Amino acid sequence: MATRNQRMMSSRIRSTYMSAVISTSLVLFLLGTSGILALNAHRLSVFFKETLSLSIFLDTNVSEADAAWVRKELDAAPFIRSTRYISKEQAAKEMEELLGADFLATFGYNPLPISIEAKLTAAYANADSVAAIEQQLQAIPHIREVSYQYSLIDVINKNINKIGLVMLVFIVLLFFISVVLINSTIRLSISSKRFLINTMRLVGATRSFIRRPFLVRSIWQGIMAGIIATLLISGMLYVLQNEFSELLGLVDLWLIGILFFTLLLLGICISWVSTYFSVSRFLRLNNEELYF
């Protein structure tokens, strides 16, 4: 009977320990995911801003040589990141794909002008800068019209600022909730050993002696949780690499390494502190309070 009870107790302790490790791992995984977004927020902001482009239409009768000169002038501008030359034939081909093969048959000739698609640098991808750039570009010879999506530029900039603020609040709240959840899980884990703690206290063991095995276990628990969390995040990044390779290329691997190390330290620190205070709490209880 005693052996059976010991097995049941040992199984319950292992179950409680694993529950604490898994709970801590999931919390650290959420924190790590949020941390990746926060650490790379600037790069993501630059990425989305640099997807914005200006469509620059040249004069109808402009020559290829003059169009090449205009493109050279654009490439030299500090606010232009890259340009793409679109000939009349290429423009007609793209329009046919959009409207149908009978597009040119309606006109009997190719009415589309030579154009240049210019990608902006992130620093100039805002409504005020683009308006000033438009005026500057229209002063260049052979440029007839500059077209861009004003509303899209405005929406991207406003949403980036909002997302940054929301993410900051979310991370602070998530960290607070994480500490509370991990602390509660560890307290429940130690609660199952409160009678053992009381017995050790009654036979004269010092508080530091009683705490030591729990604190050592908490360190290993934090290490295990940190490793599991980093493996989960690594798996998530691997999946994203296959699906969104261009977007994941913006992630700074050096910062990811620092984040993994921080998660490991965070798991150890939270587990250690929670265990210390939980054990201290049970050390202060008298015999009657142990049953409530």
C-alpha atoms as a PDB file:
ATOM      1  CA  MET A   1       0.000   0.000   0.000  1.00  0.00           C
ATOM      2  CA  ALA A   2       2.828   2.355   0.929  1.00  0.00           C
ATOM      3  CA  THR A   3       4.588   1.637  -2.368  1.00  0.00           C
ATOM      4  CA  ARG A   4       1.385   2.343  -4.289  1.00  0.00           C
ATOM      5  CA  ASN A   5       0.898   5.634  -2.463  1.00  0.00           C
ATOM      6  CA  GLN A   6       4.490   6.586  -3.140  1.00  0.00           C
ATOM      7  CA  ARG A   7       4.043   5.847  -6.839  1.00  0.00           C
ATOM      8  CA  MET A   8       0.866   7.888  -6.954  1.00  0.00           C
ATOM      9  CA  MET A   9       2.581  10.772  -5.176  1.00  0.00           C
ATOM     10  CA  SER A  10       5.619  10.550  -7.464  1.00  0.00           C
ATOM     11  CA  SER A  11       3.371  10.504 -10.541  1.00  0.00           C
ATOM     12  CA  ARG A  12       1.422  13.489  -9.255  1.00  0.00           C
ATOM     13  CA  ILE A  13       4.621  15.435  -8.607  1.00  0.00           C
ATOM     14  CA  ARG A  14       5.964  14.704 -12.103  1.00  0.00           C
ATOM     15  CA  SER A  15       2.630  15.708 -13.613  1.00  0.00           C
ATOM     16  CA  THR A  16       2.585  18.950 -11.674  1.00  0.00           C
ATOM     17  CA  TYR A  17       6.209  19.662 -12.626  1.00  0.00           C
ATOM     18  CA  MET A  18       5.561  19.053 -16.333  1.00  0.00           C
ATOM     19  CA  SER A  19       2.424  21.179 -16.162  1.00  0.00           C
ATOM     20  CA  ALA A  20       4.471  24.060 -14.764  1.00  0.00           C
ATOM     21  CA  VAL A  21       7.156  23.621 -17.446  1.00  0.00           C
ATOM     22  CA  ILE A  22       4.627  23.498 -20.303  1.00  0.00           C
ATOM     23  CA  SER A  23       2.652  26.471 -18.983  1.00  0.00           C
ATOM     24  CA  THR A  24       5.818  28.523 -18.612  1.00  0.00           C
ATOM     25  CA  SER A  25       6.975  27.470 -22.095  1.00  0.00           C
ATOM     26  CA  LEU A  26       3.729  28.596 -23.734  1.00  0.00           C
ATOM     27  CA  VAL A  27       3.828  31.920 -21.920  1.00  0.00           C
ATOM     28  CA  LEU A  28       7.450  32.475 -22.967  1.00  0.00           C
ATOM     29  CA  PHE A  29       6.512  31.509 -26.534  1.00  0.00           C
ATOM     30  CA  LEU A  30       3.868  34.249 -26.615  1.00  0.00           C
ATOM     31  CA  LEU A  31       6.312  36.739 -25.132  1.00  0.00           C
ATOM     32  CA  GLY A  32       8.980  35.705 -27.636  1.00  0.00           C
ATOM     33  CA  THR A  33       6.633  36.050 -30.602  1.00  0.00           C
ATOM     34  CA  SER A  34       5.619  39.515 -29.441  1.00  0.00           C
ATOM     35  CA  GLY A  35       9.282  40.335 -28.880  1.00  0.00           C
ATOM     36  CA  ILE A  36      10.167  39.374 -32.459  1.00  0.00           C
ATOM     37  CA  LEU A  37       7.496  41.704 -33.793  1.00  0.00           C
ATOM     38  CA  ALA A  38       8.598  44.515 -31.489  1.00  0.00           C
ATOM     39  CA  LEU A  39      12.323  44.165 -32.227  1.00  0.00           C
ATOM     40  CA  ASN A  40      11.736  44.102 -35.982  1.00  0.00           C
ATOM     41  CA  ALA A  41       8.918  46.674 -36.047  1.00  0.00           C
ATOM     42  CA  HIS A  42      11.150  49.295 -37.651  1.00  0.00           C
ATOM     43  CA  ARG A  43      12.292  46.942 -40.401  1.00  0.00           C
ATOM     44  CA  LEU A  44       8.716  45.886 -41.112  1.00  0.00           C
ATOM     45  CA  SER A  45       7.703  49.547 -41.241  1.00  0.00           C
ATOM     46  CA  VAL A  46      10.482  50.261 -43.762  1.00  0.00           C
ATOM     47  CA  PHE A  47       9.463  47.199 -45.805  1.00  0.00           C
ATOM     48  CA  PHE A  48       5.831  48.308 -46.149  1.00  0.00           C
ATOM     49  CA  LYS A  49       6.754  51.924 -46.870  1.00  0.00           C
ATOM     50  CA  GLU A  50       9.181  50.889 -49.590  1.00  0.00           C
ATOM     51  CA  THR A  51       6.457  48.939 -51.381  1.00  0.00           C
ATOM     52  CA  LEU A  52       4.869  52.286 -52.247  1.00  0.00           C
ATOM     53  CA  SER A  53       5.585  53.461 -55.777  1.00  0.00           C
ATOM     54  CA  LEU A  54       5.045  56.408 -58.089  1.00  0.00           C
ATOM     55  CA  SER A  55       3.870  55.930 -61.672  1.00  0.00           C
ATOM     56  CA  ILE A  56       5.679  58.521 -63.804  1.00  0.00           C
ATOM     57  CA  PHE A  57       4.241  58.947 -67.300  1.00  0.00           C
ATOM     58  CA  LEU A  58       6.397  60.547 -69.979  1.00  0.00           C
ATOM     59  CA  ASP A  59       5.401  62.647 -72.991  1.00  0.00           C
ATOM     60  CA  THR A  60       3.680  60.749 -75.789  1.00  0.00           C
ATOM     61  CA  ASN A  61       6.399  61.331 -78.389  1.00  0.00           C
ATOM     62  CA  VAL A  62       9.414  61.050 -76.086  1.00  0.00           C
ATOM     63  CA  SER A  63      12.347  59.149 -77.559  1.00  0.00           C
ATOM     64  CA  GLU A  64      14.002  56.124 -76.003  1.00  0.00           C
ATOM     65  CA  ALA A  65      17.156  58.168 -75.383  1.00  0.00           C
ATOM     66  CA  ASP A  66      15.237  60.915 -73.563  1.00  0.00           C
ATOM     67  CA  ALA A  67      13.335  58.295 -71.516  1.00  0.00           C
ATOM     68  CA  ALA A  68      16.659  56.724 -70.508  1.00  0.00           C
ATOM     69  CA  TRP A  69      17.909  60.189 -69.458  1.00  0.00           C
ATOM     70  CA  VAL A  70      14.813  60.742 -67.302  1.00  0.00           C
ATOM     71  CA  ARG A  71      15.311  57.384 -65.630  1.00  0.00           C
ATOM     72  CA  LYS A  72      18.956  58.262 -64.928  1.00  0.00           C
ATOM     73  CA  GLU A  73      17.828  61.509 -63.283  1.00  0.00           C
ATOM     74  CA  LEU A  74      15.341  59.600 -61.131  1.00  0.00           C
ATOM     75  CA  ASP A  75      17.923  57.028 -60.055  1.00  0.00           C
ATOM     76  CA  ALA A  76      20.156  59.877 -58.855  1.00  0.00           C
ATOM     77  CA  ALA A  77      17.408  61.401 -56.690  1.00  0.00           C
ATOM     78  CA  PRO A  78      17.838  60.754 -52.935  1.00  0.00           C
ATOM     79  CA  PHE A  79      14.158  59.908 -52.462  1.00  0.00           C
ATOM     80  CA  ILE A  80      14.110  57.164 -55.126  1.00  0.00           C
ATOM     81  CA  ARG A  81      15.102  53.654 -54.055  1.00  0.00           C
ATOM     82  CA  SER A  82      14.704  51.907 -57.427  1.00  0.00           C
ATOM     83  CA  THR A  83      13.068  52.379 -60.815  1.00  0.00           C
ATOM     84  CA  ARG A  84      11.492  50.111 -63.426  1.00  0.00           C
ATOM     85  CA  TYR A  85      11.311  51.179 -67.055  1.00  0.00           C
ATOM     86  CA  ILE A  86       8.020  50.300 -68.769  1.00  0.00           C
ATOM     87  CA  SER A  87       8.072  50.602 -72.551  1.00  0.00           C
ATOM     88  CA  LYS A  88       4.975  51.181 -74.657  1.00  0.00           C
ATOM     89  CA  GLU A  89       4.960  47.489 -75.612  1.00  0.00           C
ATOM     90  CA  GLN A  90       5.324  46.334 -72.006  1.00  0.00           C
ATOM     91  CA  ALA A  91       2.557  48.706 -70.895  1.00  0.00           C
ATOM     92  CA  ALA A  92       0.257  47.358 -73.624  1.00  0.00           C
ATOM     93  CA  LYS A  93       1.027  43.765 -72.603  1.00  0.00           C
ATOM     94  CA  GLU A  94       0.209  44.486 -68.953  1.00  0.00           C
ATOM     95  CA  MET A  95      -2.999  46.278 -69.954  1.00  0.00           C
ATOM     96  CA  GLU A  96      -4.050  43.354 -72.147  1.00  0.00           C
ATOM     97  CA  GLU A  97      -3.627  41.015 -69.178  1.00  0.00           C
ATOM     98  CA  LEU A  98      -5.825  43.316 -67.131  1.00  0.00           C
ATOM     99  CA  LEU A  99      -8.546  44.237 -69.665  1.00  0.00           C
ATOM    100  CA  GLY A 100      -8.397  41.472 -72.266  1.00  0.00           C
ATOM    101  CA  ALA A 101      -6.707  40.694 -75.572  1.00  0.00           C
ATOM    102  CA  ASP A 102      -8.971  43.030 -77.580  1.00  0.00           C
ATOM    103  CA  PHE A 103      -7.665  46.129 -75.838  1.00  0.00           C
ATOM    104  CA  LEU A 104      -5.502  47.412 -78.727  1.00  0.00           C
ATOM    105  CA  ALA A 105      -8.119  46.432 -81.318  1.00  0.00           C
ATOM    106  CA  THR A 106     -10.480  49.005 -79.857  1.00  0.00           C
ATOM    107  CA  PHE A 107      -8.063  51.856 -80.562  1.00  0.00           C
ATOM    108  CA  GLY A 108      -6.238  50.492 -83.594  1.00  0.00           C
ATOM    109  CA  TYR A 109      -2.932  51.699 -82.148  1.00  0.00           C
ATOM    110  CA  ASN A 110      -1.032  51.730 -78.861  1.00  0.00           C
ATOM    111  CA  PRO A 111      -2.127  54.835 -76.908  1.00  0.00           C
ATOM    112  CA  LEU A 112      -0.054  54.090 -73.815  1.00  0.00           C
ATOM    113  CA  PRO A 113       3.003  56.260 -73.089  1.00  0.00           C
ATOM    114  CA  ILE A 114       6.388  55.185 -71.848  1.00  0.00           C
ATOM    115  CA  SER A 115       6.360  55.191 -68.062  1.00  0.00           C
ATOM    116  CA  ILE A 116       8.682  54.623 -65.134  1.00  0.00           C
ATOM    117  CA  GLU A 117       7.666  52.994 -61.870  1.00  0.00           C
ATOM    118  CA  ALA A 118       9.687  54.505 -59.008  1.00  0.00           C
ATOM    119  CA  LYS A 119       9.931  52.991 -55.540  1.00  0.00           C
ATOM    120  CA  LEU A 120      10.401  55.515 -52.739  1.00  0.00           C
ATOM    121  CA  THR A 121      12.814  55.254 -49.845  1.00  0.00           C
ATOM    122  CA  ALA A 122      11.069  54.771 -46.498  1.00  0.00           C
ATOM    123  CA  ALA A 123      12.082  58.211 -45.170  1.00  0.00           C
ATOM    124  CA  TYR A 124      10.100  59.946 -47.929  1.00  0.00           C
ATOM    125  CA  ALA A 125       7.061  57.632 -47.934  1.00  0.00           C
ATOM    126  CA  ASN A 126       4.642  60.045 -46.298  1.00  0.00           C
ATOM    127  CA  ALA A 127       1.941  62.295 -47.705  1.00  0.00           C
ATOM    128  CA  ASP A 128       3.771  65.626 -47.264  1.00  0.00           C
ATOM    129  CA  SER A 129       7.028  64.403 -48.774  1.00  0.00           C
ATOM    130  CA  VAL A 130       5.301  62.734 -51.729  1.00  0.00           C
ATOM    131  CA  ALA A 131       3.399  65.939 -52.540  1.00  0.00           C
ATOM    132  CA  ALA A 132       6.684  67.868 -52.622  1.00  0.00           C
ATOM    133  CA  ILE A 133       8.340  65.106 -54.679  1.00  0.00           C
ATOM    134  CA  GLU A 134       5.487  65.247 -57.198  1.00  0.00           C
ATOM    135  CA  GLN A 135       6.105  68.939 -57.827  1.00  0.00           C
ATOM    136  CA  GLN A 136       9.847  68.358 -58.136  1.00  0.00           C
ATOM    137  CA  LEU A 137       9.385  65.536 -60.633  1.00  0.00           C
ATOM    138  CA  GLN A 138       6.963  67.464 -62.806  1.00  0.00           C
ATOM    139  CA  ALA A 139       9.674  70.089 -63.284  1.00  0.00           C
ATOM    140  CA  ILE A 140      11.878  67.497 -65.018  1.00  0.00           C
ATOM    141  CA  PRO A 141      11.638  67.672 -68.846  1.00  0.00           C
ATOM    142  CA  HIS A 142       9.618  64.974 -70.636  1.00  0.00           C
ATOM    143  CA  ILE A 143       7.604  64.045 -67.505  1.00  0.00           C
ATOM    144  CA  ARG A 144       3.942  64.581 -68.254  1.00  0.00           C
ATOM    145  CA  GLU A 145       2.208  63.190 -65.151  1.00  0.00           C
ATOM    146  CA  VAL A 146       3.013  61.689 -61.752  1.00  0.00           C
ATOM    147  CA  SER A 147       0.436  59.327 -60.285  1.00  0.00           C
ATOM    148  CA  TYR A 148       0.328  57.720 -56.843  1.00  0.00           C
ATOM    149  CA  GLN A 149      -2.215  56.449 -54.331  1.00  0.00           C
ATOM    150  CA  TYR A 150      -2.422  59.243 -51.768  1.00  0.00           C
ATOM    151  CA  SER A 151      -4.973  57.407 -49.606  1.00  0.00           C
ATOM    152  CA  LEU A 152      -2.784  54.278 -49.448  1.00  0.00           C
ATOM    153  CA  ILE A 153       0.243  56.272 -48.277  1.00  0.00           C
ATOM    154  CA  ASP A 154      -1.826  58.005 -45.616  1.00  0.00           C
ATOM    155  CA  VAL A 155      -3.394  54.736 -44.413  1.00  0.00           C
ATOM    156  CA  ILE A 156      -0.046  52.913 -44.181  1.00  0.00           C
ATOM    157  CA  ASN A 157       1.588  55.673 -42.125  1.00  0.00           C
ATOM    158  CA  LYS A 158      -1.374  56.028 -39.755  1.00  0.00           C
ATOM    159  CA  ASN A 159      -1.709  52.275 -39.254  1.00  0.00           C
ATOM    160  CA  ILE A 160       2.023  51.810 -38.629  1.00  0.00           C
ATOM    161  CA  ASN A 161       1.882  54.356 -35.790  1.00  0.00           C
ATOM    162  CA  LYS A 162      -1.247  52.766 -34.328  1.00  0.00           C
ATOM    163  CA  ILE A 163       0.178  49.261 -34.579  1.00  0.00           C
ATOM    164  CA  GLY A 164       3.346  50.369 -32.781  1.00  0.00           C
ATOM    165  CA  LEU A 165       1.369  51.830 -29.872  1.00  0.00           C
ATOM    166  CA  VAL A 166      -0.980  48.837 -29.637  1.00  0.00           C
ATOM    167  CA  MET A 167       1.971  46.428 -29.722  1.00  0.00           C
ATOM    168  CA  LEU A 168       3.708  48.261 -26.877  1.00  0.00           C
ATOM    169  CA  VAL A 169       0.582  48.120 -24.690  1.00  0.00           C
ATOM    170  CA  PHE A 170       0.014  44.474 -25.628  1.00  0.00           C
ATOM    171  CA  ILE A 171       3.553  43.428 -24.688  1.00  0.00           C
ATOM    172  CA  VAL A 172       3.364  45.198 -21.315  1.00  0.00           C
ATOM    173  CA  LEU A 173       0.019  43.534 -20.529  1.00  0.00           C
ATOM    174  CA  LEU A 174       1.230  40.165 -21.784  1.00  0.00           C
ATOM    175  CA  PHE A 175       4.324  40.371 -19.587  1.00  0.00           C
ATOM    176  CA  PHE A 176       2.209  41.175 -16.529  1.00  0.00           C
ATOM    177  CA  ILE A 177      -0.227  38.345 -17.282  1.00  0.00           C
ATOM    178  CA  SER A 178       2.683  35.983 -17.948  1.00  0.00           C
ATOM    179  CA  VAL A 179       4.247  36.648 -14.561  1.00  0.00           C
ATOM    180  CA  VAL A 180       0.883  36.120 -12.830  1.00  0.00           C
ATOM    181  CA  LEU A 181       0.191  32.853 -14.691  1.00  0.00           C
ATOM    182  CA  ILE A 182       3.659  31.421 -14.110  1.00  0.00           C
ATOM    183  CA  ASN A 183       3.528  32.421 -10.449  1.00  0.00           C
ATOM    184  CA  SER A 184       0.109  30.762 -10.023  1.00  0.00           C
ATOM    185  CA  THR A 185       1.249  27.573 -11.763  1.00  0.00           C
ATOM    186  CA  ILE A 186       4.368  27.284  -9.627  1.00  0.00           C
ATOM    187  CA  ARG A 187       2.416  28.036  -6.452  1.00  0.00           C
ATOM    188  CA  LEU A 188       0.005  25.202  -7.281  1.00  0.00           C
ATOM    189  CA  SER A 189       2.971  22.928  -7.964  1.00  0.00           C
ATOM    190  CA  ILE A 190       4.531  23.691  -4.584  1.00  0.00           C
ATOM    191  CA  SER A 191       1.169  23.490  -2.820  1.00  0.00           C
ATOM    192  CA  SER A 192       1.182  19.713  -3.349  1.00  0.00           C
ATOM    193  CA  LYS A 193       4.375  19.567  -1.257  1.00  0.00           C
ATOM    194  CA  ARG A 194       3.224  21.817   1.573  1.00  0.00           C
ATOM    195  CA  PHE A 195       3.006  18.928   4.059  1.00  0.00           C
ATOM    196  CA  LEU A 196       6.555  17.874   3.185  1.00  0.00           C
ATOM    197  CA  ILE A 197       7.696  21.445   3.753  1.00  0.00           C
ATOM    198  CA  ASN A 198       5.909  21.524   7.094  1.00  0.00           C
ATOM    199  CA  THR A 199       7.448  18.199   8.144  1.00  0.00           C
ATOM    200  CA  MET A 200      10.947  19.414   7.332  1.00  0.00           C
ATOM    201  CA  ARG A 201      10.271  22.597   9.276  1.00  0.00           C
ATOM    202  CA  LEU A 202       9.059  20.620  12.312  1.00  0.00           C
ATOM    203  CA  VAL A 203      12.170  18.445  12.440  1.00  0.00           C
ATOM    204  CA  GLY A 204      14.342  21.555  12.619  1.00  0.00           C
ATOM    205  CA  ALA A 205      15.443  22.142   9.019  1.00  0.00           C
ATOM    206  CA  THR A 206      16.401  25.746   8.285  1.00  0.00           C
ATOM    207  CA  ARG A 207      14.444  27.795   5.778  1.00  0.00           C
ATOM    208  CA  SER A 208      17.373  28.024   3.381  1.00  0.00           C
ATOM    209  CA  PHE A 209      17.828  24.224   3.536  1.00  0.00           C
ATOM    210  CA  ILE A 210      14.130  23.696   2.757  1.00  0.00           C
ATOM    211  CA  ARG A 211      14.148  26.217  -0.096  1.00  0.00           C
ATOM    212  CA  ARG A 212      17.325  24.920  -1.760  1.00  0.00           C
ATOM    213  CA  PRO A 213      15.935  21.856  -3.610  1.00  0.00           C
ATOM    214  CA  PHE A 214      12.892  23.816  -4.760  1.00  0.00           C
ATOM    215  CA  LEU A 215      15.047  26.673  -6.056  1.00  0.00           C
ATOM    216  CA  VAL A 216      17.398  24.277  -7.859  1.00  0.00           C
ATOM    217  CA  ARG A 217      14.403  22.594  -9.488  1.00  0.00           C
ATOM    218  CA  SER A 218      12.985  26.015 -10.426  1.00  0.00           C
ATOM    219  CA  ILE A 219      16.213  26.833 -12.278  1.00  0.00           C
ATOM    220  CA  TRP A 220      15.998  23.609 -14.291  1.00  0.00           C
ATOM    221  CA  GLN A 221      12.307  24.282 -14.841  1.00  0.00           C
ATOM    222  CA  GLY A 222      13.114  27.738 -16.231  1.00  0.00           C
ATOM    223  CA  ILE A 223      15.855  26.319 -18.476  1.00  0.00           C
ATOM    224  CA  MET A 224      13.525  23.630 -19.841  1.00  0.00           C
ATOM    225  CA  ALA A 225      10.744  26.149 -20.428  1.00  0.00           C
ATOM    226  CA  GLY A 226      13.141  28.544 -22.181  1.00  0.00           C
ATOM    227  CA  ILE A 227      14.490  25.786 -24.444  1.00  0.00           C
ATOM    228  CA  ILE A 228      11.000  24.590 -25.367  1.00  0.00           C
ATOM    229  CA  ALA A 229       9.883  28.173 -26.081  1.00  0.00           C
ATOM    230  CA  THR A 230      12.899  28.837 -28.337  1.00  0.00           C
ATOM    231  CA  LEU A 231      12.292  25.560 -30.191  1.00  0.00           C
ATOM    232  CA  LEU A 232       8.645  26.522 -30.756  1.00  0.00           C
ATOM    233  CA  ILE A 233       9.651  29.963 -32.042  1.00  0.00           C
ATOM    234  CA  SER A 234      12.347  28.420 -34.265  1.00  0.00           C
ATOM    235  CA  GLY A 235       9.731  26.068 -35.723  1.00  0.00           C
ATOM    236  CA  MET A 236       7.401  28.987 -36.360  1.00  0.00           C
ATOM    237  CA  LEU A 237      10.186  30.927 -38.119  1.00  0.00           C
ATOM    238  CA  TYR A 238      11.039  27.861 -40.227  1.00  0.00           C
ATOM    239  CA  VAL A 239       7.429  27.590 -41.411  1.00  0.00           C
ATOM    240  CA  LEU A 240       7.338  31.319 -42.167  1.00  0.00           C
ATOM    241  CA  GLN A 241      10.601  30.989 -44.083  1.00  0.00           C
ATOM    242  CA  ASN A 242       8.948  28.541 -46.458  1.00  0.00           C
ATOM    243  CA  GLU A 243       5.769  30.584 -46.861  1.00  0.00           C
ATOM    244  CA  PHE A 244       6.961  34.202 -46.661  1.00  0.00           C
ATOM    245  CA  SER A 245      10.688  34.135 -47.380  1.00  0.00           C
ATOM    246  CA  GLU A 246      10.850  37.793 -48.462  1.00  0.00           C
ATOM    247  CA  LEU A 247       9.178  39.042 -45.295  1.00  0.00           C
ATOM    248  CA  LEU A 248      11.247  36.833 -42.991  1.00  0.00           C
ATOM    249  CA  GLY A 249      14.405  38.136 -44.666  1.00  0.00           C
ATOM    250  CA  LEU A 250      13.774  41.392 -42.817  1.00  0.00           C
ATOM    251  CA  VAL A 251      14.220  39.711 -39.433  1.00  0.00           C
ATOM    252  CA  ASP A 252      17.558  40.456 -37.750  1.00  0.00           C
ATOM    253  CA  LEU A 253      19.073  37.096 -36.745  1.00  0.00           C
ATOM    254  CA  TRP A 254      21.379  38.779 -34.215  1.00  0.00           C
ATOM    255  CA  LEU A 255      18.355  40.226 -32.420  1.00  0.00           C
ATOM    256  CA  ILE A 256      16.646  36.834 -32.571  1.00  0.00           C
ATOM    257  CA  GLY A 257      19.646  35.267 -30.845  1.00  0.00           C
ATOM    258  CA  ILE A 258      19.541  37.911 -28.121  1.00  0.00           C
ATOM    259  CA  LEU A 259      15.804  37.324 -27.748  1.00  0.00           C
ATOM    260  CA  PHE A 260      16.305  33.561 -27.288  1.00  0.00           C
ATOM    261  CA  PHE A 261      18.929  34.173 -24.602  1.00  0.00           C
ATOM    262  CA  THR A 262      16.610  36.697 -22.918  1.00  0.00           C
ATOM    263  CA  LEU A 263      13.743  34.191 -22.896  1.00  0.00           C
ATOM    264  CA  LEU A 264      16.002  31.634 -21.243  1.00  0.00           C
ATOM    265  CA  LEU A 265      17.036  34.106 -18.542  1.00  0.00           C
ATOM    266  CA  LEU A 266      13.459  35.298 -18.136  1.00  0.00           C
ATOM    267  CA  GLY A 267      12.195  31.744 -17.648  1.00  0.00           C
ATOM    268  CA  ILE A 268      14.843  31.099 -15.000  1.00  0.00           C
ATOM    269  CA  CYS A 269      14.269  34.398 -13.178  1.00  0.00           C
ATOM    270  CA  ILE A 270      10.475  34.185 -13.090  1.00  0.00           C
ATOM    271  CA  SER A 271      10.551  30.533 -11.996  1.00  0.00           C
ATOM    272  CA  TRP A 272      13.164  31.215  -9.305  1.00  0.00           C
ATOM    273  CA  VAL A 273      11.404  34.288  -7.874  1.00  0.00           C
ATOM    274  CA  SER A 274       7.969  32.642  -7.939  1.00  0.00           C
ATOM    275  CA  THR A 275       9.343  29.510  -6.257  1.00  0.00           C
ATOM    276  CA  TYR A 276      11.157  31.503  -3.598  1.00  0.00           C
ATOM    277  CA  PHE A 277       8.066  33.440  -2.541  1.00  0.00           C
ATOM    278  CA  SER A 278       5.776  30.407  -2.814  1.00  0.00           C
ATOM    279  CA  VAL A 279       7.990  28.276  -0.560  1.00  0.00           C
ATOM    280  CA  SER A 280       8.354  31.194   1.852  1.00  0.00           C
ATOM    281  CA  ARG A 281       4.595  31.494   2.030  1.00  0.00           C
ATOM    282  CA  PHE A 282       4.149  27.833   2.994  1.00  0.00           C
ATOM    283  CA  LEU A 283       6.937  28.114   5.549  1.00  0.00           C
ATOM    284  CA  ARG A 284       4.881  30.741   7.373  1.00  0.00           C
ATOM    285  CA  LEU A 285       1.744  28.602   7.600  1.00  0.00           C
ATOM    286  CA  ASN A 286       0.799  26.823  10.803  1.00  0.00           C
ATOM    287  CA  ASN A 287      -0.611  23.293  10.960  1.00  0.00           C
ATOM    288  CA  GLU A 288      -4.245  24.396  10.712  1.00  0.00           C
ATOM    289  CA  GLU A 289      -3.646  26.677   7.704  1.00  0.00           C
ATOM    290  CA  LEU A 290      -2.080  23.827   5.716  1.00  0.00           C
ATOM    291  CA  TYR A 291      -5.535  22.308   5.168  1.00  0.00           C
ATOM    292  CA  PHE A 292      -7.091  25.471   3.703  1.00  0.00           C
END
